Amino acid sequence: MLFFESPVATSVTVNIFDCIGRKVDEQIIDASTKNIRIPFNLVGKENGIYFFRIQSGDHIHSISYLKLE
């Protein structure tokens, strides 16, 4: 689970991509507060680097995540 502080309390779109740019997952989280929990599940996915693109209003934030099992 990721924790993200949004600049505004609004719905948040989270896209997860693998290291070659394929979209692995997409979530839309309706947030009533600025502190947002982003649940994600990479079970069954390959080890490697994943990128999270978090969009809240006009603000976009990217996070990289390394999965090793």
C-alpha atoms as a PDB file:
ATOM      1  CA  MET A   1       0.000   0.000   0.000  1.00  0.00           C
ATOM      2  CA  LEU A   2       1.236   3.470  -0.886  1.00  0.00           C
ATOM      3  CA  PHE A   3       0.413   6.638   0.995  1.00  0.00           C
ATOM      4  CA  PHE A   4       0.053   9.885  -0.923  1.00  0.00           C
ATOM      5  CA  GLU A   5      -0.754  13.411   0.171  1.00  0.00           C
ATOM      6  CA  SER A   6      -2.816  15.120  -2.498  1.00  0.00           C
ATOM      7  CA  PRO A   7      -2.672  18.892  -2.941  1.00  0.00           C
ATOM      8  CA  VAL A   8      -6.487  18.922  -3.191  1.00  0.00           C
ATOM      9  CA  ALA A   9      -9.237  16.669  -1.839  1.00  0.00           C
ATOM     10  CA  THR A  10     -10.629  15.215  -5.068  1.00  0.00           C
ATOM     11  CA  SER A  11     -10.765  11.932  -6.931  1.00  0.00           C
ATOM     12  CA  VAL A  12      -7.378  10.442  -7.728  1.00  0.00           C
ATOM     13  CA  THR A  13      -6.483   8.348 -10.768  1.00  0.00           C
ATOM     14  CA  VAL A  14      -3.664   5.846 -10.319  1.00  0.00           C
ATOM     15  CA  ASN A  15      -2.092   4.099 -13.319  1.00  0.00           C
ATOM     16  CA  ILE A  16       0.521   1.382 -12.809  1.00  0.00           C
ATOM     17  CA  PHE A  17       2.955   0.615 -15.641  1.00  0.00           C
ATOM     18  CA  ASP A  18       5.685  -2.012 -15.967  1.00  0.00           C
ATOM     19  CA  CYS A  19       9.231  -1.157 -17.029  1.00  0.00           C
ATOM     20  CA  ILE A  20       8.421  -1.251 -20.760  1.00  0.00           C
ATOM     21  CA  GLY A  21       5.369   0.974 -20.486  1.00  0.00           C
ATOM     22  CA  ARG A  22       2.513  -1.532 -20.473  1.00  0.00           C
ATOM     23  CA  LYS A  23      -0.405  -0.514 -18.256  1.00  0.00           C
ATOM     24  CA  VAL A  24      -0.736  -3.132 -15.515  1.00  0.00           C
ATOM     25  CA  ASP A  25      -3.574  -1.606 -13.491  1.00  0.00           C
ATOM     26  CA  GLU A  26      -5.749   1.484 -13.200  1.00  0.00           C
ATOM     27  CA  GLN A  27      -7.664   2.678 -10.150  1.00  0.00           C
ATOM     28  CA  ILE A  28      -9.880   5.645  -9.486  1.00  0.00           C
ATOM     29  CA  ILE A  29     -10.034   6.562  -5.813  1.00  0.00           C
ATOM     30  CA  ASP A  30     -12.665   8.990  -4.573  1.00  0.00           C
ATOM     31  CA  ALA A  31     -10.827  10.874  -1.839  1.00  0.00           C
ATOM     32  CA  SER A  32     -12.609  13.103   0.635  1.00  0.00           C
ATOM     33  CA  THR A  33      -9.330  13.985   2.366  1.00  0.00           C
ATOM     34  CA  LYS A  34      -5.880  14.983   1.154  1.00  0.00           C
ATOM     35  CA  ASN A  35      -4.215  11.905   2.724  1.00  0.00           C
ATOM     36  CA  ILE A  36      -4.829   8.995   0.380  1.00  0.00           C
ATOM     37  CA  ARG A  37      -4.106   5.287   0.717  1.00  0.00           C
ATOM     38  CA  ILE A  38      -3.455   3.547  -2.573  1.00  0.00           C
ATOM     39  CA  PRO A  39      -3.918  -0.226  -2.367  1.00  0.00           C
ATOM     40  CA  PHE A  40      -2.240  -2.251  -5.089  1.00  0.00           C
ATOM     41  CA  ASN A  41      -1.620  -5.907  -5.747  1.00  0.00           C
ATOM     42  CA  LEU A  42       1.295  -7.106  -7.856  1.00  0.00           C
ATOM     43  CA  VAL A  43       0.832 -10.792  -6.989  1.00  0.00           C
ATOM     44  CA  GLY A  44       1.355 -12.844 -10.123  1.00  0.00           C
ATOM     45  CA  LYS A  45       3.306 -10.053 -11.811  1.00  0.00           C
ATOM     46  CA  GLU A  46       6.967 -10.407 -12.737  1.00  0.00           C
ATOM     47  CA  ASN A  47       9.770  -9.034 -10.597  1.00  0.00           C
ATOM     48  CA  GLY A  48      10.972  -5.674 -11.802  1.00  0.00           C
ATOM     49  CA  ILE A  49      10.385  -1.953 -11.741  1.00  0.00           C
ATOM     50  CA  TYR A  50       6.857  -0.554 -11.775  1.00  0.00           C
ATOM     51  CA  PHE A  51       5.843   3.064 -12.155  1.00  0.00           C
ATOM     52  CA  PHE A  52       2.839   4.649 -10.482  1.00  0.00           C
ATOM     53  CA  ARG A  53       1.310   7.709 -12.154  1.00  0.00           C
ATOM     54  CA  ILE A  54      -0.912   9.491  -9.654  1.00  0.00           C
ATOM     55  CA  GLN A  55      -3.151  12.270 -10.946  1.00  0.00           C
ATOM     56  CA  SER A  56      -5.144  14.496  -8.617  1.00  0.00           C
ATOM     57  CA  GLY A  57      -6.851  17.358 -10.412  1.00  0.00           C
ATOM     58  CA  ASP A  58      -4.169  19.131 -12.459  1.00  0.00           C
ATOM     59  CA  HIS A  59      -1.338  17.647 -10.368  1.00  0.00           C
ATOM     60  CA  ILE A  60       0.576  14.581 -11.555  1.00  0.00           C
ATOM     61  CA  HIS A  61       3.067  12.650  -9.426  1.00  0.00           C
ATOM     62  CA  SER A  62       5.178   9.622 -10.375  1.00  0.00           C
ATOM     63  CA  ILE A  63       6.569   6.965  -8.059  1.00  0.00           C
ATOM     64  CA  SER A  64       8.823   4.040  -8.968  1.00  0.00           C
ATOM     65  CA  TYR A  65       8.507   0.725  -7.141  1.00  0.00           C
ATOM     66  CA  LEU A  66      10.877  -2.250  -7.215  1.00  0.00           C
ATOM     67  CA  LYS A  67       9.232  -5.653  -6.811  1.00  0.00           C
ATOM     68  CA  LEU A  68      11.485  -8.490  -5.679  1.00  0.00           C
ATOM     69  CA  GLU A  69      10.306 -11.828  -4.413  1.00  0.00           C
END
